[in-house]
Amino acid sequence: MAADITGTERAEYRKRRVKRIKRAIVILCILFLVLPTILSIFLMAKVSSLQHQINDIVAGRATDQEEGGEQPDVVQASVKDSVSHTSVAASDSAIVSGGGIATSEKKVYLTFDDGPGTHTGKILDILKKQGVKATFFVTGKEDSYSKKMYKRIVNEGHTLGMHSYSHIYDTIYKSPKAFSADFKKLYQMLYDVTGKYPEWYRFPGGSSTNTMKSSLGELVSVLEKNNVSYIDWNVITPEAMNPRVSKTEMVDTIMGDVKDYDTAVVMLYDAANRPMTLKALPSLINERKQKNYKLLPLDQNVVPVRHNQLN
């Protein structure tokens, strides 16, 4: 009898042991399946967060390089350094106006610098197809193609703004007299071509450029005498820092910055050496339409975004 009891206990012990082994195997299998999944999700979230931070830095970073001649503009003072999108924009509005905390209705102004160029016609085609109006800050070019683009910009309902005639910093900013001469040359030429005097001006390098040999106030007085307002931007294309930026990075960066402003003035390029503007434009427009952002040309109802006030 004792032998029978002992045998039964051994059998039960073996069964319990087998069950424990099976349970351990199942738990290990679950751990091997679940842990990698959890780890992957964590890593993906981390990578996404880091990428977003990198995009924010790229979008807001200003370059210290000054430009001249035919080179494209680069922002001279970081808008993100001047405005921290919410708290600083609210408490230090003397630095930059037009920014603020996001609301349900956003206004987005697409602006294109440095044209007319080889991409201007194609940019206009995209805008026409999408039913969008924008703003072009142009330089002085008197060839037949450029004149055709000036006329088309105005005739198709876009805002034609000035970006200096020569775009040569040393010439434009040498003195108030030199600035006035450059301004009047472009101002009159655009009127002669289109029949309309421009109402907006964007300083090459922005109003914060340190290449001005005189005060900003002296130059702005030249504009005001002709009822012209100046405006900068609070969202800048990452092409300013990296001409080889990918389409995805460009769209994500700009869209990520636009969401922080009630009124977003986006600086893009109309230049052959900045090709991603043309490639990314349809996606940028579609993204804004999906989010019900209003896409508008600059008019006199806009509160200008300015890096610097008069000094």
Protein backbone atom coordinates (compact mmCIF):
# COMPACT_ATOMS: atom_id res chain seq x y z
CA MET A 1 0.00 0.00 0.00
CA ALA A 2 2.84 2.31 0.90
CA ALA A 3 4.44 1.50 -2.42
CA ASP A 4 1.16 2.34 -4.24
CA ILE A 5 0.89 5.67 -2.39
CA THR A 6 4.49 6.50 -3.16
CA GLY A 7 3.97 5.70 -6.85
CA THR A 8 0.85 7.87 -6.97
CA GLU A 9 2.65 10.75 -5.30
CA ARG A 10 5.49 10.41 -7.80
CA ALA A 11 3.05 10.44 -10.71
CA GLU A 12 1.31 13.54 -9.34
CA TYR A 13 4.65 15.21 -8.77
CA ARG A 14 5.68 14.50 -12.36
CA LYS A 15 2.38 15.92 -13.62
CA ARG A 16 2.82 19.08 -11.57
CA ARG A 17 6.38 19.41 -12.75
CA VAL A 18 5.36 19.02 -16.39
CA LYS A 19 2.64 21.63 -15.89
CA ARG A 20 5.15 24.02 -14.35
CA ILE A 21 7.55 23.47 -17.23
CA LYS A 22 4.77 24.00 -19.77
CA ARG A 23 3.68 27.17 -17.97
CA ALA A 24 7.24 28.47 -17.92
CA ILE A 25 7.61 27.75 -21.62
CA VAL A 26 4.37 29.57 -22.42
CA ILE A 27 5.42 32.58 -20.33
CA LEU A 28 8.82 32.68 -22.02
CA CYS A 29 7.20 32.48 -25.45
CA ILE A 30 4.87 35.34 -24.57
CA LEU A 31 7.76 37.42 -23.27
CA PHE A 32 9.81 36.78 -26.39
CA LEU A 33 6.86 37.88 -28.53
CA VAL A 34 5.63 40.83 -26.49
CA LEU A 35 8.87 42.43 -25.34
CA PRO A 36 10.25 43.10 -28.84
CA THR A 37 6.91 44.63 -29.81
CA ILE A 38 6.89 46.92 -26.78
CA LEU A 39 10.53 47.83 -27.37
CA SER A 40 9.84 48.59 -31.04
CA ILE A 41 6.92 50.85 -30.16
CA PHE A 42 9.04 52.68 -27.59
CA LEU A 43 11.91 53.16 -30.04
CA MET A 44 9.57 54.37 -32.79
CA ALA A 45 8.05 56.94 -30.43
CA LYS A 46 11.51 58.07 -29.38
CA VAL A 47 12.71 58.40 -32.97
CA SER A 48 9.57 60.33 -33.91
CA SER A 49 10.10 62.71 -30.99
CA LEU A 50 13.74 63.27 -31.90
CA GLN A 51 12.88 63.84 -35.55
CA HIS A 52 10.30 66.42 -34.60
CA GLN A 53 12.84 68.23 -32.44
CA ILE A 54 15.38 68.19 -35.27
CA ASN A 55 12.81 69.56 -37.71
CA ASP A 56 11.93 72.36 -35.28
CA ILE A 57 15.59 73.29 -34.91
CA VAL A 58 16.19 73.25 -38.65
CA ALA A 59 13.09 75.31 -39.38
CA GLY A 60 13.92 77.99 -36.83
CA ARG A 61 17.69 78.21 -37.17
CA ALA A 62 19.14 81.33 -38.73
CA THR A 63 22.36 81.39 -40.64
CA ASP A 64 25.10 83.91 -39.89
CA GLN A 65 26.22 84.04 -43.51
CA GLU A 66 25.48 87.19 -45.44
CA GLU A 67 24.60 86.98 -49.09
CA GLY A 68 24.91 89.16 -52.12
CA GLY A 69 24.53 89.09 -55.89
CA GLU A 70 22.34 86.35 -57.26
CA GLN A 71 22.44 84.21 -54.13
CA PRO A 72 19.14 83.44 -52.37
CA ASP A 73 18.13 85.03 -49.08
CA VAL A 74 18.87 83.38 -45.77
CA VAL A 75 17.13 84.57 -42.61
CA GLN A 76 19.55 86.64 -40.54
CA ALA A 77 17.78 86.29 -37.20
CA SER A 78 15.88 83.24 -36.08
CA VAL A 79 12.19 83.87 -35.71
CA LYS A 80 12.07 81.05 -33.21
CA ASP A 81 14.74 82.85 -31.17
CA SER A 82 12.65 86.02 -31.27
CA VAL A 83 9.36 84.26 -30.60
CA SER A 84 8.81 81.09 -28.62
CA HIS A 85 5.49 80.73 -30.44
CA THR A 86 3.32 81.30 -27.39
CA SER A 87 4.63 82.91 -24.23
CA VAL A 88 7.23 85.19 -25.80
CA ALA A 89 4.93 86.15 -28.66
CA ALA A 90 2.31 87.23 -26.14
CA SER A 91 4.65 89.10 -23.79
CA ASP A 92 7.15 90.57 -26.28
CA SER A 93 5.01 91.58 -29.23
CA ALA A 94 7.33 94.49 -29.93
CA ILE A 95 9.79 92.07 -31.49
CA VAL A 96 7.53 90.22 -33.90
CA SER A 97 3.89 90.84 -34.62
CA GLY A 98 1.50 88.41 -36.25
CA GLY A 99 2.33 85.32 -34.19
CA GLY A 100 0.43 83.82 -31.32
CA ILE A 101 -1.41 80.88 -29.88
CA ALA A 102 -3.22 78.75 -32.42
CA THR A 103 -6.98 79.01 -32.77
CA SER A 104 -9.53 77.11 -34.82
CA GLU A 105 -9.12 79.47 -37.82
CA LYS A 106 -5.67 79.87 -39.27
CA LYS A 107 -4.54 82.17 -42.04
CA VAL A 108 -1.58 81.07 -44.11
CA TYR A 109 0.22 83.38 -46.51
CA LEU A 110 2.49 81.61 -48.99
CA THR A 111 5.23 83.98 -50.14
CA PHE A 112 7.87 83.34 -52.79
CA ASP A 113 11.20 85.21 -52.84
CA ASP A 114 13.83 85.90 -55.52
CA GLY A 115 11.78 85.50 -58.71
CA PRO A 116 10.95 85.66 -61.48
CA GLY A 117 12.87 82.54 -62.40
CA THR A 118 12.60 79.33 -64.36
CA HIS A 119 10.10 77.93 -61.85
CA THR A 120 7.76 80.92 -61.69
CA GLY A 121 5.45 79.80 -64.47
CA LYS A 122 5.15 76.30 -63.02
CA ILE A 123 4.47 77.67 -59.53
CA LEU A 124 1.71 79.84 -60.99
CA ASP A 125 0.29 76.81 -62.80
CA ILE A 126 0.06 74.87 -59.53
CA LEU A 127 -1.56 77.77 -57.70
CA LYS A 128 -4.08 78.23 -60.50
CA LYS A 129 -4.94 74.54 -60.57
CA GLN A 130 -5.40 74.49 -56.79
CA GLY A 131 -7.37 77.73 -56.71
CA VAL A 132 -4.87 79.38 -54.34
CA LYS A 133 -3.62 82.95 -54.23
CA ALA A 134 -0.14 83.78 -52.97
CA THR A 135 2.45 86.57 -52.81
CA PHE A 136 5.59 86.98 -54.91
CA PHE A 137 8.46 89.17 -53.73
CA VAL A 138 10.30 89.81 -56.96
CA THR A 139 13.59 91.31 -58.03
CA GLY A 140 14.22 93.54 -61.05
CA LYS A 141 14.48 91.68 -64.34
CA GLU A 142 13.55 93.29 -67.62
CA ASP A 143 13.67 90.38 -70.06
CA SER A 144 10.45 89.43 -71.85
CA TYR A 145 9.88 86.26 -69.79
CA SER A 146 10.17 88.11 -66.47
CA LYS A 147 7.82 90.86 -67.61
CA LYS A 148 5.34 88.20 -68.66
CA MET A 149 5.58 86.67 -65.16
CA TYR A 150 5.04 90.06 -63.46
CA LYS A 151 1.88 90.54 -65.51
CA ARG A 152 0.67 87.02 -64.88
CA ILE A 153 1.15 87.35 -61.11
CA VAL A 154 -1.06 90.45 -61.06
CA ASN A 155 -3.59 89.25 -63.62
CA GLU A 156 -4.17 85.95 -61.79
CA GLY A 157 -4.98 87.70 -58.52
CA HIS A 158 -1.74 87.23 -56.62
CA THR A 159 0.04 89.95 -54.67
CA LEU A 160 3.13 91.38 -56.33
CA GLY A 161 5.69 92.53 -53.77
CA MET A 162 9.22 93.91 -54.04
CA HIS A 163 12.45 92.24 -52.97
CA SER A 164 14.82 94.97 -54.26
CA TYR A 165 15.85 95.53 -57.85
CA SER A 166 19.42 94.27 -57.71
CA HIS A 167 19.38 91.97 -54.66
CA ILE A 168 23.00 92.99 -54.11
CA TYR A 169 23.35 93.65 -50.39
CA ASP A 170 26.37 95.93 -50.56
CA THR A 171 24.60 98.09 -53.12
CA ILE A 172 21.14 98.19 -51.54
CA TYR A 173 22.23 98.77 -47.95
CA LYS A 174 25.15 101.14 -48.61
CA SER A 175 23.08 104.16 -47.61
CA PRO A 176 19.48 105.42 -47.51
CA LYS A 177 20.13 107.13 -50.84
CA ALA A 178 21.32 103.88 -52.45
CA PHE A 179 18.36 102.01 -51.00
CA SER A 180 15.96 104.64 -52.32
CA ALA A 181 17.46 104.48 -55.81
CA ASP A 182 17.16 100.69 -55.92
CA PHE A 183 13.61 100.81 -54.55
CA LYS A 184 12.40 103.46 -57.01
CA LYS A 185 13.88 101.61 -59.96
CA LEU A 186 11.92 98.43 -59.15
CA TYR A 187 8.82 100.32 -57.98
CA GLN A 188 8.48 102.23 -61.25
CA MET A 189 9.44 99.29 -63.46
CA LEU A 190 6.74 97.07 -61.96
CA TYR A 191 4.16 99.83 -62.45
CA ASP A 192 5.22 100.31 -66.07
CA VAL A 193 4.84 96.57 -66.72
CA THR A 194 1.68 95.79 -64.74
CA GLY A 195 -0.10 99.13 -64.34
CA LYS A 196 -0.11 98.72 -60.55
CA TYR A 197 2.22 100.02 -57.88
CA PRO A 198 3.29 97.34 -55.37
CA GLU A 199 2.25 97.80 -51.73
CA TRP A 200 4.60 95.32 -50.02
CA TYR A 201 8.37 95.08 -49.61
CA ARG A 202 10.57 92.34 -48.16
CA PHE A 203 14.11 93.32 -47.27
CA PRO A 204 16.75 90.99 -48.71
CA GLY A 205 17.90 89.03 -45.66
CA GLY A 206 14.90 90.27 -43.68
CA SER A 207 14.54 93.42 -41.61
CA SER A 208 17.00 91.96 -39.10
CA THR A 209 19.91 91.70 -41.51
CA ASN A 210 23.09 93.23 -40.08
CA THR A 211 24.33 94.40 -43.49
CA MET A 212 22.37 97.68 -43.27
CA LYS A 213 24.79 100.59 -43.02
CA SER A 214 22.00 102.84 -41.74
CA SER A 215 19.08 102.38 -39.40
CA LEU A 216 16.04 100.37 -40.37
CA GLY A 217 13.93 103.46 -39.73
CA GLU A 218 15.71 105.43 -42.44
CA LEU A 219 15.01 102.72 -45.00
CA VAL A 220 11.42 102.20 -43.90
CA SER A 221 10.79 105.93 -44.33
CA VAL A 222 11.56 105.47 -48.03
CA LEU A 223 8.85 102.82 -48.20
CA GLU A 224 6.31 104.80 -46.22
CA LYS A 225 6.63 107.81 -48.51
CA ASN A 226 5.26 105.55 -51.22
CA ASN A 227 2.60 103.87 -49.05
CA VAL A 228 4.54 100.61 -49.03
CA SER A 229 4.66 98.28 -45.99
CA TYR A 230 7.42 95.84 -45.16
CA ILE A 231 6.95 92.29 -43.93
CA ASP A 232 9.22 89.41 -42.92
CA TRP A 233 8.11 85.85 -42.12
CA ASN A 234 7.51 83.59 -39.13
CA VAL A 235 7.81 80.26 -40.97
CA ILE A 236 10.79 79.61 -43.21
CA THR A 237 11.40 76.75 -45.62
CA PRO A 238 14.15 74.33 -44.54
CA GLU A 239 15.55 74.84 -48.04
CA ALA A 240 17.13 78.00 -46.64
CA MET A 241 19.56 75.83 -44.68
CA ASN A 242 19.60 72.72 -46.88
CA PRO A 243 18.89 72.96 -50.62
CA ARG A 244 18.85 69.15 -50.76
CA VAL A 245 16.08 68.77 -48.18
CA SER A 246 13.65 65.95 -48.95
CA LYS A 247 10.06 66.62 -49.94
CA THR A 248 8.74 64.84 -46.83
CA GLU A 249 11.01 66.77 -44.47
CA MET A 250 10.11 70.04 -46.10
CA VAL A 251 6.35 69.48 -45.86
CA ASP A 252 6.53 68.13 -42.29
CA THR A 253 8.78 70.96 -41.09
CA ILE A 254 6.69 73.76 -42.56
CA MET A 255 3.40 72.22 -41.44
CA GLY A 256 4.79 71.68 -37.95
CA ASP A 257 5.69 75.37 -37.70
CA VAL A 258 2.50 76.71 -39.28
CA LYS A 259 0.34 75.08 -36.61
CA ASP A 260 1.85 77.36 -33.95
CA TYR A 261 0.55 80.59 -35.48
CA ASP A 262 -2.86 82.12 -36.06
CA THR A 263 -1.31 84.03 -38.94
CA ALA A 264 1.55 82.18 -40.62
CA VAL A 265 3.66 83.98 -43.21
CA VAL A 266 5.63 81.25 -44.98
CA MET A 267 8.81 82.17 -46.81
CA LEU A 268 9.47 79.93 -49.83
CA TYR A 269 11.80 80.30 -52.81
CA ASP A 270 11.16 81.03 -56.46
CA ALA A 271 14.70 80.19 -57.51
CA ALA A 272 16.26 77.56 -59.75
CA ASN A 273 18.77 76.53 -57.08
CA ARG A 274 15.96 75.81 -54.60
CA PRO A 275 13.97 73.16 -56.54
CA MET A 276 12.10 71.54 -53.66
CA THR A 277 9.65 74.45 -53.36
CA LEU A 278 8.17 73.52 -56.72
CA LYS A 279 8.14 69.79 -55.93
CA ALA A 280 6.60 70.16 -52.47
CA LEU A 281 4.10 72.93 -53.25
CA PRO A 282 1.12 70.69 -54.18
CA SER A 283 1.55 68.68 -50.96
CA LEU A 284 1.87 71.86 -48.87
CA ILE A 285 -1.35 73.21 -50.34
CA ASN A 286 -3.20 69.92 -49.86
CA GLU A 287 -2.05 69.61 -46.24
CA ARG A 288 -3.32 73.10 -45.45
CA LYS A 289 -6.63 72.50 -47.19
CA GLN A 290 -7.15 69.28 -45.24
CA LYS A 291 -6.66 71.22 -42.02
CA ASN A 292 -9.03 73.98 -43.19
CA TYR A 293 -6.33 76.65 -43.12
CA LYS A 294 -7.15 79.73 -45.17
CA LEU A 295 -4.60 80.29 -47.94
CA LEU A 296 -4.48 84.00 -48.79
CA PRO A 297 -2.42 86.64 -50.62
CA LEU A 298 -1.09 89.56 -48.61
CA ASP A 299 -3.38 92.57 -48.41
CA GLN A 300 -3.69 95.67 -46.29
CA ASN A 301 -5.69 93.79 -43.64
CA VAL A 302 -2.65 91.74 -42.63
CA VAL A 303 -0.82 92.61 -39.42
CA PRO A 304 2.78 92.48 -40.67
CA VAL A 305 5.16 89.89 -39.25
CA ARG A 306 8.38 91.72 -38.53
CA HIS A 307 11.68 90.54 -37.07
CA ASN A 308 12.62 94.06 -36.05
CA GLN A 309 10.62 97.16 -35.37
CA LEU A 310 11.95 100.61 -36.28
CA ASN A 311 15.16 101.63 -34.62
